[in-house]
PDB file of N, CA and C in Angstrom:
ATOM      1  N   UNK A   1       6.985  -8.318   8.993  1.00  0.00           N
ATOM      2  CA  UNK A   1       6.084  -7.729  10.037  1.00  0.00           C
ATOM      3  C   UNK A   1       6.879  -7.362  11.248  1.00  0.00           C
ATOM      4  N   UNK A   2       6.512  -6.195  11.777  1.00  0.00           N
ATOM      5  CA  UNK A   2       7.203  -5.669  13.023  1.00  0.00           C
ATOM      6  C   UNK A   2       6.181  -5.907  14.158  1.00  0.00           C
ATOM      7  N   UNK A   3       6.783  -5.495  15.313  1.00  0.00           N
ATOM      8  CA  UNK A   3       5.970  -5.584  16.489  1.00  0.00           C
ATOM      9  C   UNK A   3       5.212  -4.218  16.732  1.00  0.00           C
ATOM     10  N   UNK A   4       5.296  -3.252  15.652  1.00  0.00           N
ATOM     11  CA  UNK A   4       4.683  -1.917  15.746  1.00  0.00           C
ATOM     12  C   UNK A   4       3.237  -2.097  15.676  1.00  0.00           C
ATOM     13  N   UNK A   5       2.537  -1.200  16.447  1.00  0.00           N
ATOM     14  CA  UNK A   5       1.062  -1.249  16.388  1.00  0.00           C
ATOM     15  C   UNK A   5       0.525  -1.047  15.052  1.00  0.00           C
ATOM     16  N   UNK A   6      -0.735  -1.594  14.782  1.00  0.00           N
ATOM     17  CA  UNK A   6      -1.319  -1.291  13.478  1.00  0.00           C
ATOM     18  C   UNK A   6      -2.429  -0.352  13.802  1.00  0.00           C
ATOM     19  N   UNK A   7      -2.269   0.829  13.252  1.00  0.00           N
ATOM     20  CA  UNK A   7      -3.184   1.932  13.544  1.00  0.00           C
ATOM     21  C   UNK A   7      -3.773   2.300  12.159  1.00  0.00           C
ATOM     22  N   UNK A   8      -5.059   2.489  12.276  1.00  0.00           N
ATOM     23  CA  UNK A   8      -5.723   2.976  10.920  1.00  0.00           C
ATOM     24  C   UNK A   8      -7.130   3.676  11.160  1.00  0.00           C
ATOM     25  N   UNK A   9      -7.528   4.232  10.010  1.00  0.00           N
ATOM     26  CA  UNK A   9      -8.880   4.855  10.099  1.00  0.00           C
ATOM     27  C   UNK A   9      -9.460   4.207   8.683  1.00  0.00           C
ATOM     28  N   UNK A  10     -10.692   3.492   8.818  1.00  0.00           N
ATOM     29  CA  UNK A  10     -11.324   3.055   7.684  1.00  0.00           C
ATOM     30  C   UNK A  10     -12.361   4.018   7.319  1.00  0.00           C
ATOM     31  N   UNK A  11     -12.473   4.440   6.085  1.00  0.00           N
ATOM     32  CA  UNK A  11     -13.479   5.285   5.577  1.00  0.00           C
ATOM     33  C   UNK A  11     -14.480   4.345   4.837  1.00  0.00           C
ATOM     34  N   UNK A  12     -15.845   4.600   5.343  1.00  0.00           N
ATOM     35  CA  UNK A  12     -16.873   3.697   4.806  1.00  0.00           C
ATOM     36  C   UNK A  12     -18.034   4.611   4.331  1.00  0.00           C
ATOM     37  N   UNK A  13     -18.284   4.595   3.109  1.00  0.00           N
ATOM     38  CA  UNK A  13     -19.437   5.536   2.684  1.00  0.00           C
ATOM     39  C   UNK A  13     -20.596   4.743   2.146  1.00  0.00           C
ATOM     40  N   UNK A  14     -21.865   5.173   2.674  1.00  0.00           N
ATOM     41  CA  UNK A  14     -23.007   4.461   2.452  1.00  0.00           C
ATOM     42  C   UNK A  14     -23.508   4.731   1.037  1.00  0.00           C
ATOM     43  N   UNK A  15     -24.205   3.896   0.524  1.00  0.00           N
ATOM     44  CA  UNK A  15     -24.979   4.078  -0.780  1.00  0.00           C
ATOM     45  C   UNK A  15     -26.268   4.966  -0.451  1.00  0.00           C
ATOM     46  N   UNK A  16     -26.792   5.626  -1.305  1.00  0.00           N
ATOM     47  CA  UNK A  16     -27.873   6.432  -1.082  1.00  0.00           C
ATOM     48  C   UNK A  16     -29.041   5.495  -0.575  1.00  0.00           C
ATOM     49  N   UNK A  17     -29.634   5.907   0.525  1.00  0.00           N
ATOM     50  CA  UNK A  17     -30.721   5.225   1.144  1.00  0.00           C
ATOM     51  C   UNK A  17     -30.267   4.081   2.132  1.00  0.00           C
ATOM     52  N   UNK A  18     -28.809   3.845   2.225  1.00  0.00           N
ATOM     53  CA  UNK A  18     -28.435   2.816   3.126  1.00  0.00           C
ATOM     54  C   UNK A  18     -27.657   3.024   4.313  1.00  0.00           C
ATOM     55  N   UNK A  19     -27.700   4.473   4.641  1.00  0.00           N
ATOM     56  CA  UNK A  19     -26.985   5.064   5.785  1.00  0.00           C
ATOM     57  C   UNK A  19     -27.390   4.227   7.077  1.00  0.00           C
ATOM     58  N   UNK A  20     -28.629   4.033   7.393  1.00  0.00           N
ATOM     59  CA  UNK A  20     -28.938   3.393   8.581  1.00  0.00           C
ATOM     60  C   UNK A  20     -28.490   1.888   8.698  1.00  0.00           C
ATOM     61  N   UNK A  21     -28.567   1.268   7.485  1.00  0.00           N
ATOM     62  CA  UNK A  21     -28.324  -0.147   7.372  1.00  0.00           C
ATOM     63  C   UNK A  21     -26.898  -0.357   7.561  1.00  0.00           C
ATOM     64  N   UNK A  22     -25.936   0.679   6.944  1.00  0.00           N
ATOM     65  CA  UNK A  22     -24.557   0.677   7.193  1.00  0.00           C
ATOM     66  C   UNK A  22     -24.207   0.869   8.624  1.00  0.00           C
ATOM     67  N   UNK A  23     -24.632   1.859   9.110  1.00  0.00           N
ATOM     68  CA  UNK A  23     -24.523   2.231  10.509  1.00  0.00           C
ATOM     69  C   UNK A  23     -24.695   1.072  11.486  1.00  0.00           C
ATOM     70  N   UNK A  24     -25.726   0.331  11.256  1.00  0.00           N
ATOM     71  CA  UNK A  24     -26.163  -0.844  12.072  1.00  0.00           C
ATOM     72  C   UNK A  24     -25.081  -1.871  12.004  1.00  0.00           C
ATOM     73  N   UNK A  25     -24.802  -2.163  10.725  1.00  0.00           N
ATOM     74  CA  UNK A  25     -23.834  -3.113  10.376  1.00  0.00           C
ATOM     75  C   UNK A  25     -22.546  -2.901  10.956  1.00  0.00           C
ATOM     76  N   UNK A  26     -22.053  -1.784  11.015  1.00  0.00           N
ATOM     77  CA  UNK A  26     -20.779  -1.234  11.671  1.00  0.00           C
ATOM     78  C   UNK A  26     -20.922  -1.446  13.167  1.00  0.00           C
ATOM     79  N   UNK A  27     -22.024  -0.926  13.614  1.00  0.00           N
ATOM     80  CA  UNK A  27     -22.101  -1.100  15.324  1.00  0.00           C
ATOM     81  C   UNK A  27     -21.965  -2.595  15.678  1.00  0.00           C
ATOM     82  N   UNK A  28     -22.507  -3.327  14.743  1.00  0.00           N
ATOM     83  CA  UNK A  28     -22.377  -4.806  15.147  1.00  0.00           C
ATOM     84  C   UNK A  28     -21.274  -5.442  15.317  1.00  0.00           C
ATOM     85  N   UNK A  29     -20.195  -4.633  14.498  1.00  0.00           N
ATOM     86  CA  UNK A  29     -18.675  -5.054  14.629  1.00  0.00           C
ATOM     87  C   UNK A  29     -17.986  -4.670  15.923  1.00  0.00           C
ATOM     88  N   UNK A  30     -18.527  -3.802  16.656  1.00  0.00           N
ATOM     89  CA  UNK A  30     -17.901  -3.127  17.707  1.00  0.00           C
ATOM     90  C   UNK A  30     -17.564  -4.140  18.843  1.00  0.00           C
ATOM     91  N   UNK A  31     -18.527  -4.818  19.436  1.00  0.00           N
ATOM     92  CA  UNK A  31     -18.303  -5.527  20.726  1.00  0.00           C
ATOM     93  C   UNK A  31     -17.413  -6.783  20.327  1.00  0.00           C
ATOM     94  N   UNK A  32     -17.697  -7.459  19.311  1.00  0.00           N
ATOM     95  CA  UNK A  32     -16.978  -8.593  19.056  1.00  0.00           C
ATOM     96  C   UNK A  32     -15.525  -8.260  18.675  1.00  0.00           C
ATOM     97  N   UNK A  33     -15.339  -7.168  17.964  1.00  0.00           N
ATOM     98  CA  UNK A  33     -13.847  -6.821  17.619  1.00  0.00           C
ATOM     99  C   UNK A  33     -13.132  -6.366  18.803  1.00  0.00           C
ATOM    100  N   UNK A  34     -13.883  -5.690  19.776  1.00  0.00           N
ATOM    101  CA  UNK A  34     -13.187  -5.187  20.872  1.00  0.00           C
ATOM    102  C   UNK A  34     -12.774  -6.308  21.888  1.00  0.00           C
ATOM    103  N   UNK A  35     -13.441  -7.502  21.745  1.00  0.00           N
ATOM    104  CA  UNK A  35     -13.156  -8.680  22.434  1.00  0.00           C
ATOM    105  C   UNK A  35     -12.058  -9.515  21.798  1.00  0.00           C
ATOM    106  N   UNK A  36     -11.586  -9.122  20.683  1.00  0.00           N
ATOM    107  CA  UNK A  36     -10.381  -9.845  20.129  1.00  0.00           C
ATOM    108  C   UNK A  36      -9.161  -9.529  21.009  1.00  0.00           C
ATOM    109  N   UNK A  37      -8.251 -10.535  21.068  1.00  0.00           N
ATOM    110  CA  UNK A  37      -7.208 -10.427  21.956  1.00  0.00           C
ATOM    111  C   UNK A  37      -6.173  -9.216  21.546  1.00  0.00           C
ATOM    112  N   UNK A  38      -6.023  -8.931  20.300  1.00  0.00           N
ATOM    113  CA  UNK A  38      -5.173  -7.927  19.847  1.00  0.00           C
ATOM    114  C   UNK A  38      -5.655  -6.611  19.545  1.00  0.00           C
ATOM    115  N   UNK A  39      -6.996  -6.291  19.884  1.00  0.00           N
ATOM    116  CA  UNK A  39      -7.555  -5.064  19.710  1.00  0.00           C
ATOM    117  C   UNK A  39      -7.392  -4.161  20.820  1.00  0.00           C
ATOM    118  N   UNK A  40      -6.838  -2.935  20.489  1.00  0.00           N
ATOM    119  CA  UNK A  40      -6.526  -1.874  21.433  1.00  0.00           C
ATOM    120  C   UNK A  40      -7.720  -1.011  21.526  1.00  0.00           C
ATOM    121  N   UNK A  41      -8.169  -0.516  20.334  1.00  0.00           N
ATOM    122  CA  UNK A  41      -9.499   0.225  20.289  1.00  0.00           C
ATOM    123  C   UNK A  41     -10.121   0.078  19.072  1.00  0.00           C
ATOM    124  N   UNK A  42     -11.530   0.261  18.991  1.00  0.00           N
ATOM    125  CA  UNK A  42     -12.174   0.106  17.867  1.00  0.00           C
ATOM    126  C   UNK A  42     -13.398   1.184  17.864  1.00  0.00           C
ATOM    127  N   UNK A  43     -13.369   2.297  17.315  1.00  0.00           N
ATOM    128  CA  UNK A  43     -14.386   3.228  17.530  1.00  0.00           C
ATOM    129  C   UNK A  43     -14.897   3.814  16.129  1.00  0.00           C
ATOM    130  N   UNK A  44     -16.277   3.973  16.317  1.00  0.00           N
ATOM    131  CA  UNK A  44     -16.961   4.334  15.142  1.00  0.00           C
ATOM    132  C   UNK A  44     -17.420   5.850  15.209  1.00  0.00           C
ATOM    133  N   UNK A  45     -17.191   6.591  14.029  1.00  0.00           N
ATOM    134  CA  UNK A  45     -17.545   7.990  13.960  1.00  0.00           C
ATOM    135  C   UNK A  45     -18.385   8.132  12.594  1.00  0.00           C
ATOM    136  N   UNK A  46     -19.345   9.176  12.730  1.00  0.00           N
ATOM    137  CA  UNK A  46     -19.825   9.514  11.461  1.00  0.00           C
ATOM    138  C   UNK A  46     -19.627  11.103  11.127  1.00  0.00           C
ATOM    139  N   UNK A  47     -19.252  11.472   9.887  1.00  0.00           N
ATOM    140  CA  UNK A  47     -18.875  12.789   9.538  1.00  0.00           C
ATOM    141  C   UNK A  47     -20.196  13.654   9.821  1.00  0.00           C
ATOM    142  N   UNK A  48     -20.022  14.546  10.806  1.00  0.00           N
ATOM    143  CA  UNK A  48     -21.111  15.564  11.143  1.00  0.00           C
ATOM    144  C   UNK A  48     -21.618  16.293   9.924  1.00  0.00           C
ATOM    145  N   UNK A  49     -20.831  16.642   8.847  1.00  0.00           N
ATOM    146  CA  UNK A  49     -21.140  17.406   7.789  1.00  0.00           C
ATOM    147  C   UNK A  49     -21.480  16.544   6.487  1.00  0.00           C
ATOM    148  N   UNK A  50     -21.320  15.262   6.730  1.00  0.00           N
ATOM    149  CA  UNK A  50     -21.507  14.484   5.518  1.00  0.00           C
ATOM    150  C   UNK A  50     -22.127  13.120   5.853  1.00  0.00           C
ATOM    151  N   UNK A  51     -23.515  13.217   6.168  1.00  0.00           N
ATOM    152  CA  UNK A  51     -24.166  11.961   6.788  1.00  0.00           C
ATOM    153  C   UNK A  51     -23.914  10.821   5.805  1.00  0.00           C
ATOM    154  N   UNK A  52     -23.747   9.640   6.469  1.00  0.00           N
ATOM    155  CA  UNK A  52     -23.564   8.366   5.495  1.00  0.00           C
ATOM    156  C   UNK A  52     -22.008   8.244   5.339  1.00  0.00           C
ATOM    157  N   UNK A  53     -21.160   9.031   5.794  1.00  0.00           N
ATOM    158  CA  UNK A  53     -19.749   8.709   5.705  1.00  0.00           C
ATOM    159  C   UNK A  53     -19.274   8.418   7.069  1.00  0.00           C
ATOM    160  N   UNK A  54     -18.792   7.182   7.287  1.00  0.00           N
ATOM    161  CA  UNK A  54     -18.306   6.705   8.666  1.00  0.00           C
ATOM    162  C   UNK A  54     -16.814   6.480   8.549  1.00  0.00           C
ATOM    163  N   UNK A  55     -16.281   6.573   9.825  1.00  0.00           N
ATOM    164  CA  UNK A  55     -14.796   6.375   9.956  1.00  0.00           C
ATOM    165  C   UNK A  55     -14.675   5.576  11.120  1.00  0.00           C
ATOM    166  N   UNK A  56     -13.979   4.419  10.955  1.00  0.00           N
ATOM    167  CA  UNK A  56     -13.612   3.442  12.013  1.00  0.00           C
ATOM    168  C   UNK A  56     -12.297   3.607  12.354  1.00  0.00           C
ATOM    169  N   UNK A  57     -12.022   4.213  13.602  1.00  0.00           N
ATOM    170  CA  UNK A  57     -10.570   4.225  14.105  1.00  0.00           C
ATOM    171  C   UNK A  57     -10.304   3.053  14.885  1.00  0.00           C
ATOM    172  N   UNK A  58      -9.296   2.432  14.417  1.00  0.00           N
ATOM    173  CA  UNK A  58      -9.023   1.155  15.011  1.00  0.00           C
ATOM    174  C   UNK A  58      -7.442   1.098  15.383  1.00  0.00           C
ATOM    175  N   UNK A  59      -7.110   0.435  16.385  1.00  0.00           N
ATOM    176  CA  UNK A  59      -5.717   0.030  16.683  1.00  0.00           C
ATOM    177  C   UNK A  59      -5.680  -1.470  17.216  1.00  0.00           C
ATOM    178  N   UNK A  60      -4.565  -2.119  16.673  1.00  0.00           N
ATOM    179  CA  UNK A  60      -4.213  -3.455  17.109  1.00  0.00           C
ATOM    180  C   UNK A  60      -2.988  -3.483  17.488  1.00  0.00           C
ATOM    181  N   UNK A  61      -2.680  -4.476  18.269  1.00  0.00           N
ATOM    182  CA  UNK A  61      -1.302  -4.492  18.862  1.00  0.00           C
ATOM    183  C   UNK A  61      -0.232  -4.643  17.910  1.00  0.00           C
ATOM    184  N   UNK A  62      -0.459  -5.357  16.725  1.00  0.00           N
ATOM    185  CA  UNK A  62       0.453  -5.416  15.663  1.00  0.00           C
ATOM    186  C   UNK A  62      -0.495  -5.830  14.325  1.00  0.00           C
ATOM    187  N   UNK A  63       0.401  -5.971  13.270  1.00  0.00           N
ATOM    188  CA  UNK A  63      -0.303  -6.330  11.844  1.00  0.00           C
ATOM    189  C   UNK A  63      -1.041  -7.773  12.003  1.00  0.00           C
ATOM    190  N   UNK A  64      -0.318  -8.659  12.760  1.00  0.00           N
ATOM    191  CA  UNK A  64      -0.951  -9.954  12.800  1.00  0.00           C
ATOM    192  C   UNK A  64      -2.233  -9.994  13.539  1.00  0.00           C
ATOM    193  N   UNK A  65      -2.335  -9.099  14.511  1.00  0.00           N
ATOM    194  CA  UNK A  65      -3.595  -8.970  15.297  1.00  0.00           C
ATOM    195  C   UNK A  65      -4.758  -8.277  14.164  1.00  0.00           C
ATOM    196  N   UNK A  66      -4.309  -7.435  13.527  1.00  0.00           N
ATOM    197  CA  UNK A  66      -5.185  -6.813  12.456  1.00  0.00           C
ATOM    198  C   UNK A  66      -5.671  -7.919  11.345  1.00  0.00           C
ATOM    199  N   UNK A  67      -4.655  -8.681  10.997  1.00  0.00           N
ATOM    200  CA  UNK A  67      -4.780  -9.724   9.880  1.00  0.00           C
ATOM    201  C   UNK A  67      -6.001 -10.741  10.578  1.00  0.00           C
ATOM    202  N   UNK A  68      -5.731 -11.082  11.855  1.00  0.00           N
ATOM    203  CA  UNK A  68      -6.708 -12.104  12.561  1.00  0.00           C
ATOM    204  C   UNK A  68      -8.139 -11.417  12.479  1.00  0.00           C
ATOM    205  N   UNK A  69      -8.267 -10.067  12.835  1.00  0.00           N
ATOM    206  CA  UNK A  69      -9.495  -9.428  12.765  1.00  0.00           C
ATOM    207  C   UNK A  69     -10.232  -9.625  11.483  1.00  0.00           C
ATOM    208  N   UNK A  70      -9.508  -9.550  10.290  1.00  0.00           N
ATOM    209  CA  UNK A  70      -9.963  -9.527   8.950  1.00  0.00           C
ATOM    210  C   UNK A  70     -10.479 -10.992   8.693  1.00  0.00           C
ATOM    211  N   UNK A  71     -10.104 -11.972   9.504  1.00  0.00           N
ATOM    212  CA  UNK A  71     -10.513 -13.384   9.278  1.00  0.00           C
ATOM    213  C   UNK A  71     -11.595 -13.864  10.286  1.00  0.00           C
ATOM    214  N   UNK A  72     -11.980 -13.036  11.014  1.00  0.00           N
ATOM    215  CA  UNK A  72     -13.103 -13.480  12.043  1.00  0.00           C
ATOM    216  C   UNK A  72     -14.386 -13.474  11.189  1.00  0.00           C
ATOM    217  N   UNK A  73     -15.347 -14.194  11.817  1.00  0.00           N
ATOM    218  CA  UNK A  73     -16.698 -14.564  11.300  1.00  0.00           C
ATOM    219  C   UNK A  73     -17.445 -13.126  11.214  1.00  0.00           C
ATOM    220  N   UNK A  74     -17.163 -12.265  12.429  1.00  0.00           N
ATOM    221  CA  UNK A  74     -18.035 -11.144  12.310  1.00  0.00           C
ATOM    222  C   UNK A  74     -17.623 -10.053  11.203  1.00  0.00           C
ATOM    223  N   UNK A  75     -16.209  -9.987  11.007  1.00  0.00           N
ATOM    224  CA  UNK A  75     -15.697  -9.157   9.896  1.00  0.00           C
ATOM    225  C   UNK A  75     -16.137  -9.774   8.584  1.00  0.00           C
ATOM    226  N   UNK A  76     -16.005 -11.024   8.459  1.00  0.00           N
ATOM    227  CA  UNK A  76     -16.436 -11.588   7.148  1.00  0.00           C
ATOM    228  C   UNK A  76     -18.055 -11.460   6.812  1.00  0.00           C
ATOM    229  N   UNK A  77     -18.786 -11.574   7.874  1.00  0.00           N
ATOM    230  CA  UNK A  77     -20.226 -11.290   7.705  1.00  0.00           C
ATOM    231  C   UNK A  77     -20.354  -9.900   7.201  1.00  0.00           C
ATOM    232  N   UNK A  78     -19.740  -8.925   7.818  1.00  0.00           N
ATOM    233  CA  UNK A  78     -19.761  -7.532   7.480  1.00  0.00           C
ATOM    234  C   UNK A  78     -19.217  -7.316   5.944  1.00  0.00           C
ATOM    235  N   UNK A  79     -18.096  -7.837   5.638  1.00  0.00           N
ATOM    236  CA  UNK A  79     -17.588  -7.797   4.224  1.00  0.00           C
ATOM    237  C   UNK A  79     -18.614  -8.272   3.293  1.00  0.00           C
ATOM    238  N   UNK A  80     -19.353  -9.402   3.471  1.00  0.00           N
ATOM    239  CA  UNK A  80     -20.330  -9.916   2.654  1.00  0.00           C
ATOM    240  C   UNK A  80     -21.454  -8.786   2.246  1.00  0.00           C
ATOM    241  N   UNK A  81     -21.615  -7.836   3.119  1.00  0.00           N
ATOM    242  CA  UNK A  81     -22.728  -6.865   2.774  1.00  0.00           C
ATOM    243  C   UNK A  81     -22.116  -5.501   2.196  1.00  0.00           C
ATOM    244  N   UNK A  82     -20.857  -5.275   2.177  1.00  0.00           N
ATOM    245  CA  UNK A  82     -20.244  -4.285   1.549  1.00  0.00           C
ATOM    246  C   UNK A  82     -20.959  -3.650   0.240  1.00  0.00           C
ATOM    247  N   UNK A  83     -21.085  -4.681  -0.830  1.00  0.00           N
ATOM    248  CA  UNK A  83     -21.423  -4.097  -2.133  1.00  0.00           C
ATOM    249  C   UNK A  83     -22.803  -3.713  -1.913  1.00  0.00           C
ATOM    250  N   UNK A  84     -23.715  -4.170  -1.038  1.00  0.00           N
ATOM    251  CA  UNK A  84     -25.026  -3.778  -0.983  1.00  0.00           C
ATOM    252  C   UNK A  84     -25.058  -2.499  -0.208  1.00  0.00           C
ATOM    253  N   UNK A  85     -24.285  -2.199   0.737  1.00  0.00           N
ATOM    254  CA  UNK A  85     -24.393  -1.012   1.537  1.00  0.00           C
ATOM    255  C   UNK A  85     -23.522   0.216   1.232  1.00  0.00           C
ATOM    256  N   UNK A  86     -22.377  -0.103   0.633  1.00  0.00           N
ATOM    257  CA  UNK A  86     -21.414   1.042   0.413  1.00  0.00           C
ATOM    258  C   UNK A  86     -21.357   1.439  -1.047  1.00  0.00           C
ATOM    259  N   UNK A  87     -21.218   2.730  -1.215  1.00  0.00           N
ATOM    260  CA  UNK A  87     -21.081   3.264  -2.586  1.00  0.00           C
ATOM    261  C   UNK A  87     -19.614   3.199  -3.240  1.00  0.00           C
ATOM    262  N   UNK A  88     -18.533   2.784  -2.410  1.00  0.00           N
ATOM    263  CA  UNK A  88     -17.354   2.549  -2.859  1.00  0.00           C
ATOM    264  C   UNK A  88     -16.667   1.623  -1.974  1.00  0.00           C
ATOM    265  N   UNK A  89     -15.461   0.967  -2.358  1.00  0.00           N
ATOM    266  CA  UNK A  89     -14.792   0.056  -1.318  1.00  0.00           C
ATOM    267  C   UNK A  89     -14.378   0.875  -0.230  1.00  0.00           C
ATOM    268  N   UNK A  90     -14.043  -0.032   0.852  1.00  0.00           N
ATOM    269  CA  UNK A  90     -13.506   0.398   2.115  1.00  0.00           C
ATOM    270  C   UNK A  90     -12.171   1.137   1.827  1.00  0.00           C
ATOM    271  N   UNK A  91     -11.958   2.400   2.177  1.00  0.00           N
ATOM    272  CA  UNK A  91     -10.560   2.975   2.164  1.00  0.00           C
ATOM    273  C   UNK A  91     -10.025   2.989   3.374  1.00  0.00           C
ATOM    274  N   UNK A  92      -8.874   2.107   3.527  1.00  0.00           N
ATOM    275  CA  UNK A  92      -8.137   1.918   4.732  1.00  0.00           C
ATOM    276  C   UNK A  92      -6.916   2.813   4.663  1.00  0.00           C
ATOM    277  N   UNK A  93      -6.823   3.807   5.557  1.00  0.00           N
ATOM    278  CA  UNK A  93      -5.788   4.622   5.861  1.00  0.00           C
ATOM    279  C   UNK A  93      -4.863   4.207   7.042  1.00  0.00           C
ATOM    280  N   UNK A  94      -3.786   3.702   6.676  1.00  0.00           N
ATOM    281  CA  UNK A  94      -2.836   3.338   7.772  1.00  0.00           C
ATOM    282  C   UNK A  94      -2.149   4.377   8.342  1.00  0.00           C
ATOM    283  N   UNK A  95      -2.005   4.528   9.624  1.00  0.00           N
ATOM    284  CA  UNK A  95      -1.329   5.644  10.328  1.00  0.00           C
ATOM    285  C   UNK A  95      -0.162   5.163  11.135  1.00  0.00           C
ATOM    286  N   UNK A  96       0.739   6.142  11.143  1.00  0.00           N
ATOM    287  CA  UNK A  96       1.926   6.035  12.141  1.00  0.00           C
ATOM    288  C   UNK A  96       1.963   7.184  12.998  1.00  0.00           C
ATOM    289  N   UNK A  97       1.942   6.900  14.300  1.00  0.00           N
ATOM    290  CA  UNK A  97       1.924   7.877  15.538  1.00  0.00           C
ATOM    291  C   UNK A  97       3.273   8.709  15.368  1.00  0.00           C
ATOM    292  N   UNK A  98       3.271   9.979  15.212  1.00  0.00           N
ATOM    293  CA  UNK A  98       4.459  10.652  15.260  1.00  0.00           C
ATOM    294  C   UNK A  98       4.800  11.642  16.468  1.00  0.00           C
ATOM    295  N   UNK A  99       3.720  11.802  17.071  1.00  0.00           N
ATOM    296  CA  UNK A  99       3.814  12.694  18.396  1.00  0.00           C
ATOM    297  C   UNK A  99       3.325  11.880  19.630  1.00  0.00           C
ATOM    298  N   UNK A 100       3.696  12.477  20.862  1.00  0.00           N
ATOM    299  CA  UNK A 100       3.193  11.671  21.922  1.00  0.00           C
ATOM    300  C   UNK A 100       1.680  11.969  22.118  1.00  0.00           C
ATOM    301  N   UNK A 101       1.134  11.384  23.088  1.00  0.00           N
ATOM    302  CA  UNK A 101      -0.396  11.589  23.297  1.00  0.00           C
ATOM    303  C   UNK A 101      -0.743  12.742  24.235  1.00  0.00           C
ATOM    304  N   UNK A 102       0.196  13.493  24.686  1.00  0.00           N
ATOM    305  CA  UNK A 102      -0.269  14.606  25.467  1.00  0.00           C
ATOM    306  C   UNK A 102       0.465  15.901  25.017  1.00  0.00           C
TER     307      UNK A 102
END
């Protein structure tokens, strides 16, 4: 493990008829996750051209902070709903920043 930030985008695809339920479940993760000590940002997006496909942009201070997130009660509560709400498993795309932000 390094001290490098953990940056990722999670791709979450709703089952047919479950778009609203998945969106609500994801929105319920926002505030508690943002309150975690290692969370830098946690932002939900929906694909404008593919309703029901969501992207969670997330950054944690390091891998340990992300691993802490996956063990929280709010994340575990969400994970328990994945089979019911999602058409496929969460796709987690880990990112490495290669340019500056400006």
